[in-house]
Every structure is written in structure tokens, then in C-alpha cells.
Protein backbone atom coordinates (compact mmCIF):
# COMPACT_ATOMS: atom_id res chain seq x y z
CA UNK A 1 99.40 118.23 118.75
CA UNK A 2 96.56 117.05 116.32
CA UNK A 3 96.98 118.39 112.80
CA UNK A 4 94.28 118.42 110.01
CA UNK A 5 93.91 115.71 107.90
CA UNK A 6 95.75 117.58 104.59
CA UNK A 7 98.52 116.84 101.93
CA UNK A 8 98.97 120.72 101.90
CA UNK A 9 102.47 121.65 103.46
CA UNK A 10 102.83 123.80 106.39
CA UNK A 11 105.19 124.78 109.07
CA UNK A 12 104.24 122.28 111.93
CA UNK A 13 104.23 119.42 109.45
CA UNK A 14 106.27 119.00 106.39
CA UNK A 15 105.16 117.62 103.06
CA UNK A 16 107.48 115.04 101.13
CA UNK A 17 108.42 116.33 97.56
CA UNK A 18 110.98 114.95 95.30
CA UNK A 19 113.63 116.74 96.57
CA UNK A 20 113.19 115.96 100.28
CA UNK A 21 110.76 117.70 102.79
CA UNK A 22 108.89 120.69 102.15
CA UNK A 23 107.82 123.80 104.73
CA UNK A 24 105.45 126.29 104.00
CA UNK A 25 105.15 129.22 106.10
CA UNK A 26 102.39 131.12 106.14
CA UNK A 27 102.44 134.77 106.02
CA UNK A 28 99.15 136.72 106.54
CA UNK A 29 99.52 139.38 103.64
CA UNK A 30 102.79 138.79 102.36
CA UNK A 31 103.97 141.38 105.43
CA UNK A 32 107.34 139.76 107.13
CA UNK A 33 109.92 142.54 109.24
CA UNK A 34 113.64 141.84 108.82
CA UNK A 35 114.03 140.14 111.92
CA UNK A 36 111.43 137.27 110.79
CA UNK A 37 113.37 137.15 107.42
CA UNK A 38 116.69 136.46 108.82
CA UNK A 39 115.29 133.67 110.60
CA UNK A 40 113.80 132.11 107.72
CA UNK A 41 117.58 132.20 106.16
CA UNK A 42 118.79 130.62 109.30
CA UNK A 43 116.62 127.56 108.87
CA UNK A 44 116.77 126.89 105.37
CA UNK A 45 120.78 127.27 105.82
CA UNK A 46 120.53 124.73 108.98
CA UNK A 47 117.57 122.33 107.59
CA UNK A 48 116.87 122.86 104.15
CA UNK A 49 118.96 123.85 100.50
CA UNK A 50 119.96 127.42 101.29
CA UNK A 51 117.20 129.13 99.43
CA UNK A 52 113.69 129.91 99.72
CA UNK A 53 110.67 130.18 97.27
CA UNK A 54 107.92 132.55 97.02
CA UNK A 55 104.94 131.28 96.22
CA UNK A 56 101.87 132.68 94.53
CA UNK A 57 99.87 133.59 97.29
CA UNK A 58 102.92 135.11 99.00
CA UNK A 59 103.61 132.25 101.09
CA UNK A 60 107.54 131.36 101.69
CA UNK A 61 108.55 127.53 101.15
CA UNK A 62 111.68 125.77 102.51
CA UNK A 63 112.93 122.82 100.06
CA UNK A 64 115.33 119.57 100.28
CA UNK A 65 114.87 119.39 104.25
CA UNK A 66 116.38 116.09 105.05
CA UNK A 67 115.45 116.16 108.95
CA UNK A 68 112.46 117.86 110.82
CA UNK A 69 112.80 121.04 112.29
CA UNK A 70 113.76 121.19 115.80
CA UNK A 71 110.46 122.30 118.15
CA UNK A 72 113.04 124.74 119.95
CA UNK A 73 113.11 126.53 116.35
CA UNK A 74 109.54 126.50 116.26
CA UNK A 75 108.98 127.83 119.04
CA UNK A 76 111.28 130.82 118.64
CA UNK A 77 109.24 131.07 115.37
CA UNK A 78 106.14 131.50 117.16
CA UNK A 79 107.41 134.18 119.15
CA UNK A 80 108.68 136.44 116.26
CA UNK A 81 105.05 136.17 115.36
CA UNK A 82 106.54 134.44 112.25
CA UNK A 83 104.13 131.33 113.18
CA UNK A 84 100.74 130.72 114.45
CA UNK A 85 100.34 130.32 117.88
CA UNK A 86 97.49 128.12 117.40
CA UNK A 87 99.53 125.08 115.03
CA UNK A 88 95.83 123.60 113.94
CA UNK A 89 94.75 126.19 111.59
CA UNK A 90 98.01 126.41 109.85
CA UNK A 91 97.06 124.88 106.90
CA UNK A 92 94.45 127.01 106.03
CA UNK A 93 95.52 129.18 102.61
CA UNK A 94 97.43 132.57 103.29
CA UNK A 95 95.16 135.75 103.35
CA UNK A 96 96.01 137.81 100.44
CA UNK A 97 96.05 141.62 99.88
CA UNK A 98 98.01 144.01 97.99
CA UNK A 99 101.81 144.23 98.60
CA UNK A 100 101.53 148.10 98.36
CA UNK A 101 98.68 147.94 101.23
CA UNK A 102 99.21 151.65 103.43
CA UNK A 103 101.58 152.80 101.02
CA UNK A 104 99.26 153.04 97.85
CA UNK A 105 98.70 156.55 96.52
CA UNK A 106 95.17 155.54 95.25
CA UNK A 107 94.22 152.98 97.48
CA UNK A 108 90.58 153.52 99.55
CA UNK A 109 91.86 151.64 102.23
CA UNK A 110 94.56 150.39 104.15
CA UNK A 111 93.77 146.61 104.04
CA UNK A 112 96.35 145.56 106.57
CA UNK A 113 94.49 146.00 109.81
CA UNK A 114 91.64 143.58 108.50
CA UNK A 115 94.70 140.94 107.33
CA UNK A 116 95.49 141.00 111.28
CA UNK A 117 91.73 140.68 112.47
CA UNK A 118 91.08 138.20 110.18
CA UNK A 119 94.02 135.98 111.36
CA UNK A 120 93.61 136.71 114.39
CA UNK A 121 90.34 135.53 114.35
CA UNK A 122 91.15 131.84 112.80
CA UNK A 123 94.02 131.55 115.31
CA UNK A 124 91.41 132.11 118.32
CA UNK A 125 88.74 129.76 116.54
CA UNK A 126 90.71 126.24 116.62
CA UNK A 127 87.23 124.61 114.78
CA UNK A 128 87.98 126.44 111.87
CA UNK A 129 90.84 123.70 111.37
CA UNK A 130 88.23 121.89 109.58
CA UNK A 131 87.80 124.19 106.79
CA UNK A 132 89.36 123.19 103.19
CA UNK A 133 93.18 123.82 102.91
CA UNK A 134 92.03 126.13 99.91
CA UNK A 135 89.83 128.34 101.70
CA UNK A 136 90.71 131.45 100.94
CA UNK A 137 89.73 135.31 101.54
CA UNK A 138 90.94 138.49 99.64
CA UNK A 139 90.93 142.09 100.92
CA UNK A 140 91.21 144.39 97.87
CA UNK A 141 91.80 148.15 98.92
CA UNK A 142 90.91 149.80 95.16
CA UNK A 143 94.80 150.69 95.22
CA UNK A 144 96.78 150.87 91.67
CA UNK A 145 97.84 147.52 92.18
CA UNK A 146 94.51 145.24 92.30
CA UNK A 147 94.22 141.24 93.26
CA UNK A 148 90.69 141.27 92.21
CA UNK A 149 91.31 138.86 89.35
CA UNK A 150 93.60 136.55 91.88
CA UNK A 151 91.79 132.83 92.57
CA UNK A 152 90.41 133.17 95.69
CA UNK A 153 86.82 131.92 97.50
CA UNK A 154 86.00 134.56 99.20
CA UNK A 155 87.22 138.78 97.69
CA UNK A 156 86.09 141.60 99.95
CA UNK A 157 86.60 144.93 97.50
CA UNK A 158 86.56 148.43 98.59
CA UNK A 159 84.34 150.69 96.90
CA UNK A 160 83.61 154.48 97.61
CA UNK A 161 79.55 155.08 97.96
CA UNK A 162 78.69 158.60 99.21
CA UNK A 163 81.69 159.57 100.54
CA UNK A 164 81.92 156.07 102.83
CA UNK A 165 83.73 153.03 102.44
CA UNK A 166 82.13 149.85 101.63
CA UNK A 167 83.03 146.24 101.09
CA UNK A 168 81.83 144.47 97.90
CA UNK A 169 81.45 140.80 98.28
CA UNK A 170 82.25 138.45 95.55
CA UNK A 171 82.14 134.98 95.88
CA UNK A 172 83.52 131.94 93.72
CA UNK A 173 80.87 129.53 92.36
CA UNK A 174 79.69 128.20 88.96
CA UNK A 175 82.17 126.26 86.75
CA UNK A 176 85.86 125.95 87.74
CA UNK A 177 88.17 128.72 86.26
CA UNK A 178 85.27 131.37 86.53
CA UNK A 179 85.90 134.55 87.97
CA UNK A 180 84.41 135.53 91.55
CA UNK A 181 80.40 136.85 91.38
CA UNK A 182 79.18 139.80 92.96
CA UNK A 183 76.63 138.94 95.47
CA UNK A 184 75.38 142.49 95.45
CA UNK A 185 76.39 142.90 99.39
CA UNK A 186 78.06 145.86 100.76
CA UNK A 187 79.48 145.49 103.95
CA UNK A 188 80.59 148.38 105.94
CA UNK A 189 84.34 147.85 107.68
CA UNK A 190 82.87 147.30 111.25
CA UNK A 191 80.94 144.38 109.83
CA UNK A 192 83.73 142.24 107.97
CA UNK A 193 85.37 140.03 110.26
CA UNK A 194 81.54 138.79 111.09
CA UNK A 195 80.38 138.42 107.92
CA UNK A 196 83.84 136.11 106.93
CA UNK A 197 83.04 133.77 110.33
CA UNK A 198 79.48 133.51 109.03
CA UNK A 199 80.53 132.11 105.35
CA UNK A 200 82.96 130.05 107.09
CA UNK A 201 80.90 128.66 109.14
CA UNK A 202 77.95 127.89 107.24
CA UNK A 203 80.92 126.49 104.94
CA UNK A 204 81.19 123.81 107.78
CA UNK A 205 77.68 122.98 108.15
CA UNK A 206 77.90 121.21 104.78
CA UNK A 207 81.16 119.00 104.89
CA UNK A 208 82.14 115.92 106.79
CA UNK A 209 85.09 116.63 109.14
CA UNK A 210 86.53 113.12 108.75
CA UNK A 211 86.93 113.84 105.63
CA UNK A 212 90.57 114.23 104.24
CA UNK A 213 89.82 115.86 100.67
CA UNK A 214 87.31 118.73 101.90
CA UNK A 215 84.88 120.29 98.85
CA UNK A 216 85.84 123.67 98.00
CA UNK A 217 83.63 126.15 98.12
CA UNK A 218 82.12 126.56 95.09
CA UNK A 219 81.16 122.79 95.20
CA UNK A 220 79.35 123.67 98.36
CA UNK A 221 77.76 126.53 96.74
CA UNK A 222 76.73 125.02 93.54
CA UNK A 223 75.42 121.39 94.96
CA UNK A 224 72.85 123.95 97.46
CA UNK A 225 72.55 126.90 95.29
CA UNK A 226 73.89 130.51 96.06
CA UNK A 227 70.46 131.94 97.20
CA UNK A 228 70.39 129.11 99.86
CA UNK A 229 73.95 129.76 100.93
CA UNK A 230 73.60 133.22 101.37
CA UNK A 231 70.40 132.86 103.23
CA UNK A 232 72.00 130.54 105.56
CA UNK A 233 74.72 132.92 106.01
CA UNK A 234 72.42 135.80 107.08
CA UNK A 235 70.79 133.40 109.98
CA UNK A 236 74.21 132.67 111.59
CA UNK A 237 74.39 136.91 112.03
CA UNK A 238 72.68 137.98 114.61
CA UNK A 239 69.06 139.41 113.14
CA UNK A 240 68.45 143.29 112.74
CA UNK A 241 72.13 144.09 112.82
CA UNK A 242 73.36 143.56 109.20
CA UNK A 243 71.96 144.92 106.34
CA UNK A 244 73.08 141.92 104.43
CA UNK A 245 70.65 142.02 101.34
CA UNK A 246 72.06 140.34 98.40
CA UNK A 247 71.40 140.83 94.39
CA UNK A 248 72.45 138.00 92.03
CA UNK A 249 71.99 139.79 88.85
CA UNK A 250 75.47 142.35 89.38
CA UNK A 251 78.15 141.30 86.90
CA UNK A 252 81.27 138.66 87.57
CA UNK A 253 84.65 140.42 88.25
CA UNK A 254 86.44 141.23 84.91
CA UNK A 255 89.47 138.49 84.89
CA UNK A 256 91.34 141.40 82.57
CA UNK A 257 91.64 143.28 86.19
CA UNK A 258 95.46 142.34 85.49
CA UNK A 259 98.51 143.49 87.48
CA UNK A 260 99.96 146.37 86.00
CA UNK A 261 103.64 145.94 86.54
CA UNK A 262 104.92 149.31 85.93
CA UNK A 263 103.07 149.69 89.49
CA UNK A 264 104.80 146.71 91.04
CA UNK A 265 108.55 146.97 89.85
CA UNK A 266 110.81 149.56 90.12
CA UNK A 267 110.85 152.76 92.04
CA UNK A 268 107.66 154.35 93.06
CA UNK A 269 106.53 157.01 94.97
CA UNK A 270 104.38 156.36 98.09
CA UNK A 271 101.39 158.36 99.67
CA UNK A 272 103.72 159.33 102.81
CA UNK A 273 105.44 162.14 101.28
CA UNK A 274 109.22 162.04 100.28
CA UNK A 275 109.01 158.23 100.63
CA UNK A 276 109.46 155.68 97.80
CA UNK A 277 108.93 151.74 97.62
CA UNK A 278 110.91 149.63 95.44
CA UNK A 279 109.71 146.64 93.75
CA UNK A 280 112.34 144.01 93.13
CA UNK A 281 112.40 141.18 90.54
CA UNK A 282 113.13 137.63 92.35
CA UNK A 283 113.80 134.95 89.07
CA UNK A 284 110.79 132.62 89.59
CA UNK A 285 110.47 133.66 93.46
CA UNK A 286 113.63 132.10 94.11
CA UNK A 287 116.42 133.99 96.98
CA UNK A 288 119.10 132.77 97.96
CA UNK A 289 120.18 133.22 101.77
CA UNK A 290 122.83 135.55 101.34
CA UNK A 291 120.18 137.78 99.34
CA UNK A 292 117.39 137.18 102.29
CA UNK A 293 120.31 138.69 104.48
CA UNK A 294 120.87 141.45 102.65
CA UNK A 295 117.45 142.58 101.79
CA UNK A 296 116.58 142.11 105.82
CA UNK A 297 119.64 144.57 105.94
CA UNK A 298 118.26 147.01 103.21
CA UNK A 299 114.82 146.94 105.30
CA UNK A 300 116.22 147.96 108.71
CA UNK A 301 118.97 150.23 107.45
CA UNK A 302 116.91 152.38 104.87
CA UNK A 303 113.68 151.57 104.94
CA UNK A 304 110.68 150.48 107.97
CA UNK A 305 111.99 147.22 108.45
CA UNK A 306 109.49 145.67 106.55
CA UNK A 307 109.65 143.13 103.01
CA UNK A 308 106.35 143.08 101.46
CA UNK A 309 106.07 139.63 99.37
CA UNK A 310 103.78 139.65 96.33
CA UNK A 311 101.63 136.99 94.99
CA UNK A 312 103.64 137.26 91.41
CA UNK A 313 106.84 136.14 93.39
CA UNK A 314 108.34 139.21 93.68
CA UNK A 315 109.11 141.65 97.10
CA UNK A 316 108.89 145.46 97.70
CA UNK A 317 110.93 147.49 100.27
CA UNK A 318 109.09 150.26 101.41
CA UNK A 319 109.53 153.62 103.20
CA UNK A 320 112.92 154.55 100.92
CA UNK A 321 113.78 157.96 101.77
CA UNK A 322 114.43 159.60 98.35
CA UNK A 323 117.79 160.87 99.11
CA UNK A 324 119.08 157.44 99.44
CA UNK A 325 117.54 155.63 96.65
CA UNK A 326 120.68 155.70 94.62
CA UNK A 327 122.53 153.63 97.90
CA UNK A 328 119.55 151.36 97.71
CA UNK A 329 119.90 151.02 94.23
CA UNK A 330 123.34 149.76 94.42
CA UNK A 331 123.15 147.25 96.92
CA UNK A 332 120.30 145.50 95.36
CA UNK A 333 122.68 145.27 92.74
CA UNK A 334 124.96 144.33 94.64
CA UNK A 335 122.79 141.19 95.53
CA UNK A 336 122.87 140.09 92.06
CA UNK A 337 119.24 141.28 92.20
CA UNK A 338 117.73 144.34 90.04
CA UNK A 339 114.27 146.28 90.20
CA UNK A 340 114.00 146.70 86.28
CA UNK A 341 110.29 146.93 84.83
CA UNK A 342 111.17 145.65 81.66
CA UNK A 343 113.23 142.51 82.73
CA UNK A 344 111.31 139.60 81.65
CA UNK A 345 111.60 137.60 84.43
CA UNK A 346 109.39 139.99 86.34
CA UNK A 347 106.89 138.32 84.03
CA UNK A 348 107.16 134.53 85.05
CA UNK A 349 105.67 132.93 87.73
CA UNK A 350 106.13 128.79 87.84
CA UNK A 351 105.70 126.01 90.06
CA UNK A 352 108.19 123.78 91.67
CA UNK A 353 108.44 121.42 88.45
CA UNK A 354 109.87 117.87 88.16
CA UNK A 355 112.67 118.10 90.46
CA UNK A 356 110.42 119.16 93.54
CA UNK A 357 106.98 117.82 92.74
CA UNK A 358 106.19 113.78 91.28
CA UNK A 359 103.32 115.16 89.64
CA UNK A 360 105.16 117.83 87.27
CA UNK A 361 106.18 116.41 83.83
CA UNK A 362 108.15 119.03 83.20
CA UNK A 363 111.48 120.86 84.96
CA UNK A 364 109.29 124.36 85.04
CA UNK A 365 112.15 126.75 86.24
CA UNK A 366 114.56 125.72 84.47
CA UNK A 367 112.30 126.00 81.40
CA UNK A 368 111.40 129.65 82.17
CA UNK A 369 114.62 130.26 82.82
CA UNK A 370 115.70 129.01 79.61
CA UNK A 371 112.82 131.24 78.13
CA UNK A 372 113.78 134.40 80.09
CA UNK A 373 117.33 133.92 78.25
CA UNK A 374 116.29 133.49 74.84
CA UNK A 375 113.72 136.53 75.14
CA UNK A 376 116.25 138.87 76.11
CA UNK A 377 118.12 138.43 73.16
CA UNK A 378 115.24 139.35 71.45
CA UNK A 379 112.93 141.16 72.52
CA UNK A 380 112.13 144.04 75.11
CA UNK A 381 108.66 143.23 76.76
CA UNK A 382 107.48 146.96 77.15
CA UNK A 383 104.05 146.27 79.17
CA UNK A 384 103.24 143.28 81.34
CA UNK A 385 102.24 139.98 80.00
CA UNK A 386 102.09 137.47 82.88
CA UNK A 387 103.71 133.94 82.02
CA UNK A 388 103.10 131.08 83.90
CA UNK A 389 104.67 127.45 83.96
CA UNK A 390 102.73 124.70 85.66
CA UNK A 391 104.42 121.29 85.47
CA UNK A 392 101.35 119.37 85.38
CA UNK A 393 97.35 119.45 85.15
CA UNK A 394 96.88 120.61 88.81
CA UNK A 395 97.72 124.00 87.41
CA UNK A 396 99.57 125.67 90.33
CA UNK A 397 100.51 128.33 87.84
CA UNK A 398 96.69 128.72 87.82
CA UNK A 399 96.30 129.05 83.96
CA UNK A 400 92.98 130.16 83.75
CA UNK A 401 93.94 133.23 85.37
CA UNK A 402 97.34 133.98 83.32
CA UNK A 403 97.83 136.00 80.04
CA UNK A 404 99.99 133.16 78.88
CA UNK A 405 100.24 129.45 80.24
CA UNK A 406 102.25 126.83 79.53
CA UNK A 407 101.16 123.31 80.88
CA UNK A 408 103.49 120.70 80.89
CA UNK A 409 102.52 117.35 79.00
CA UNK A 410 104.21 114.16 78.52
CA UNK A 411 104.20 114.03 74.87
CA UNK A 412 105.56 110.76 73.01
CA UNK A 413 108.72 110.00 74.40
CA UNK A 414 109.92 114.08 75.45
CA UNK A 415 108.05 116.22 77.62
CA UNK A 416 106.92 119.34 76.29
CA UNK A 417 103.83 121.68 76.91
CA UNK A 418 100.35 122.84 75.96
CA UNK A 419 100.20 126.28 75.85
CA UNK A 420 97.36 128.70 76.53
CA UNK A 421 96.33 132.53 75.92
CA UNK A 422 93.86 133.56 78.64
CA UNK A 423 92.96 129.99 79.49
CA UNK A 424 91.99 129.09 75.83
CA UNK A 425 94.16 126.12 74.72
CA UNK A 426 95.88 127.22 71.93
CA UNK A 427 98.65 124.49 71.07
CA UNK A 428 98.39 120.82 72.17
CA UNK A 429 101.87 119.80 72.14
CA UNK A 430 105.39 121.55 71.66
CA UNK A 431 108.59 120.21 72.28
CA UNK A 432 110.86 121.85 74.70
CA UNK A 433 113.27 123.32 72.37
CA UNK A 434 110.45 124.73 70.16
CA UNK A 435 108.66 126.68 73.39
CA UNK A 436 110.70 129.78 72.92
CA UNK A 437 110.06 130.68 69.52
CA UNK A 438 106.48 129.76 69.96
CA UNK A 439 106.46 132.22 72.50
CA UNK A 440 108.69 134.63 71.11
CA UNK A 441 106.14 134.85 67.99
CA UNK A 442 103.33 135.07 70.22
CA UNK A 443 104.71 137.89 71.97
CA UNK A 444 105.89 139.65 68.67
CA UNK A 445 102.15 139.09 66.99
CA UNK A 446 100.68 141.15 70.13
CA UNK A 447 103.24 143.86 69.90
CA UNK A 448 102.85 144.06 66.25
CA UNK A 449 99.07 144.19 65.73
CA UNK A 450 97.82 145.70 68.98
CA UNK A 451 95.86 149.04 68.12
CA UNK A 452 97.87 151.04 70.87
CA UNK A 453 100.39 150.78 73.47
CA UNK A 454 97.97 151.10 76.14
CA UNK A 455 96.00 147.97 74.42
CA UNK A 456 96.94 145.21 76.87
CA UNK A 457 97.59 141.52 75.91
CA UNK A 458 94.64 140.04 77.43
CA UNK A 459 92.19 142.95 75.90
CA UNK A 460 94.57 142.31 72.72
CA UNK A 461 93.27 138.47 72.93
CA UNK A 462 90.01 139.63 73.79
CA UNK A 463 89.56 141.04 70.55
CA UNK A 464 90.83 138.52 68.31
CA UNK A 465 89.41 135.76 69.93
CA UNK A 466 87.27 134.48 67.09
CA UNK A 467 90.64 133.95 65.13
CA UNK A 468 92.97 132.79 67.58
CA UNK A 469 94.23 129.99 65.65
CA UNK A 470 94.76 131.94 62.15
CA UNK A 471 96.29 134.97 64.46
CA UNK A 472 99.20 132.49 65.78
CA UNK A 473 99.35 129.78 62.90
CA UNK A 474 102.72 131.18 61.43
CA UNK A 475 104.23 130.17 65.01
CA UNK A 476 104.06 126.53 64.36
CA UNK A 477 106.15 124.74 62.73
CA UNK A 478 104.17 121.39 62.10
CA UNK A 479 106.76 118.79 62.77
CA UNK A 480 107.28 120.07 66.76
CA UNK A 481 103.77 121.87 67.18
CA UNK A 482 100.22 120.43 67.39
CA UNK A 483 97.57 123.43 67.12
CA UNK A 484 94.59 122.80 68.49
CA UNK A 485 91.66 123.27 65.80
CA UNK A 486 90.15 126.27 68.40
CA UNK A 487 86.89 127.69 67.96
CA UNK A 488 85.34 130.29 70.53
């Protein structure tokens, strides 16, 4: 079996990490059923460390693998519909969509059929294995939980125009970290897969398929210009069939379109009458196998047999009847989990850290949990402030997207963190011991000086962006913190 030249982990080829081999399972759209979830628990018990990690693309990682996974096990996963039937495309990034697709009371369109259709197309066209491992697609159905601000090469966002649903096409190009840009192209739902295929084929025309390190779509577009790229995409489509006219004067996506935590964690009504979904906090995306089996059992007994993984390293149980909510709440608590929207751990995201990655300078997961324990005793976060820990400059925790990011650095004789707010470097170096105090003080400044409860952290920072250094200067004991002389 031939596999692509890529360093990214997959299911059919494992990647060596600090704590053993790492296996990654792509879960298109983050949707998985109870039988599949239980099978993953079995693999983790027999081959891995007895736990899984949910990633910020709603993948599943099994870590601490000491021996290769038996081919019969892989075949079983394929039979369950969990593993791709075409192993050569296994490395391509997971397709992203809202974890509340199909149940969101405000969505314009259920994106799950499109996720399945694009996954089916990729699987059926083996030459797409030559795509970059980071070639990424996101479908945003226009619901309460938006994913438009998540980093993706291609974003299709639903819009209602003259009582008809269209997909607005956004592409990522320009400087790294910039939000995706509106092409002005509107697609009918039936045109979507063909246009995605044309976008992929055009990318393939501009790369060396034998090169292990393939450029991002952003780099290709920057090299040939967005106008030429879109003209070539149009040439891939059947003439006179698609209204593929673009307008590049449209504004970029707003990076402040952040997750509204109150619509994810906790108990929420679905658009289906009498049914509810429950968003459950997973501390840094980690689940022990007994919790996996317990959640799978809950989904079977009370829900629709499905578990919805989120890009914020949490999960959702859906289709819970109102008269069974109290029972489900008790069972969640018995699994040592909770569903409180004010739980500080629901705001935290962390990469694997030094224990699992040679590139990391810090133990991100341990440091994030230490921060949570510190903050829990001092304050309640009454609105969403997403805090991401990344162990190195590769920034798996996506520091340009988070409200607050801590980026691990090996400063002097001791590791510490750079601290960013909305992608802007605020502190050059903070020791591990002082990180909780600094973050607590940043959050306290926000809560004390925001205009109202409705002013989000990102709105607050944007309003104060010309004086960030002065705003947070009191959070910086000189002996432990180096403040960046920051100017906008």
C-alpha cells in the first residue's frame, strides 16, 4: 500500500512522537456513532495509553502506541465506516463543520450531506492524495456556532439571498494569519462539489507531486495571484454551466466571529421540538477509555446514537428528550465530566506539549490545567475567552485565532511563555510560575473595563489596541516578565 510523503500522522501510518507512536483518525465533520466510539476505546486500551485526545480539527488522536495496529483491526474500522476505504487520502485534513449541524435552531442549511459528499469525492479520486496534508475545507451553515473564523484554506459559508440558499466562497491568501477573503463567488448547493474539485485540481497543477513538503494553497495563490488562480478554476468547470463570476473587492472575514460558548457548552434546545443537546467539557480534549464507553452508552440509551466532536476539543450529545435530561446530567457527572458553560476548562485548548512532541518547549497540558486550578479559585469567566497553549512556534494552538495564546519558549535556563492577545505579542517572556497571575490579571482588566457584559474580549482588545502596553502594564512584575514595547 502506497502512502503519501507527509509527516502528518494518520490511521494507516503512525508518526513517532516523544511518548510513542501517534495515530490520528479523521472524523469528517466531527460526527461519530457509539459503535465507532467504542471501537476507538478498544484500540486505545490494546495499543495505546488508554485515552484519546480530541484535536482542534475534531480529529481523534491515540497516543503512546508501542506496536503497530493489527491489519484486522484496521479492516474492522473500515467496515464500521470509521476508516477511509482509500488509505492514500488519509493524510488530508479533516473536513470541518459546525458540531450542531442539523440541530441548530438558527442554521440556514444542514451541512452534513455536503461533508459526506466531499469526503466521498476525495475517497473516490486517489490522485487527490497528492494534495497538501494541510489542504482544508470548512462548511459553515449559518447557525449559532460559527466556524468561519477557524483557519481553513477554503470556507463555504451559507447565505440566504432572495429566499434561496447560496454558498459564499472564501479563500485564504495573503499574509499568514490573515482571515480568509471573500471572492464574491456565490454557489448553488448543487454546484459545491464540482467547484471544490476544480479548486483542488487547480492547486495540483502548481505543485511538484514528488516534493515531500508541499506548499499551502495560500502560497500558490500568492505566487500566481488570486485573479489567475480563479480564472484557472473557472477553466476546470464545464463552460456555461456555472455562474463563476468573482468580485475581489469584498471585505475579509471578521476574525472576531468567535465561538459563543453559551451556545456550545451546557443544555440547549434543538430545532427538533422537545429535543435538546448537551455540550460537555473535556479537559483539554482528553478522554479516558471508561469515559468514551460511558458516553457511547449515553448516546445509545438517551440520544440519537451519535457523538459530535468540536474544534474546541469538547463534544456534544444530541437528541436528548426533555424528560430524560436530569438522568443524563447525573450520568455525565458520574463519568467525572461536566457541562457547565462557566467551567474555565471549557475555554482552554492545548497542543500535546513536551511530553508528546520534541518541538515543544513546555508541558502545555499540565500548564493549562495549572492555570485552570488557579483561576477557578479566584474568578468566574462570565463570557467566552478562548485561551490556547502552544509548545512551540509551529503554533498548533493557532495563536493568530485565539483570544489569548501562550506560546512556549526556552527562555534562559527555564522554559516559559510568550503571551499574545488576538495574535498581538504582548509579553516576550513569562516564567511558568507567573503565568497564572498574568492571565488572571489580563482577564480582570477586561472584566473591570469592558463597556458592558455584551462586549467580547476581542471587541475590548480591538477598542484598546493603541494602548495595550499601558493597559496591561500593571500585570508585569519586572523580575519575571518582559513586556514587549508594542505599537499598533
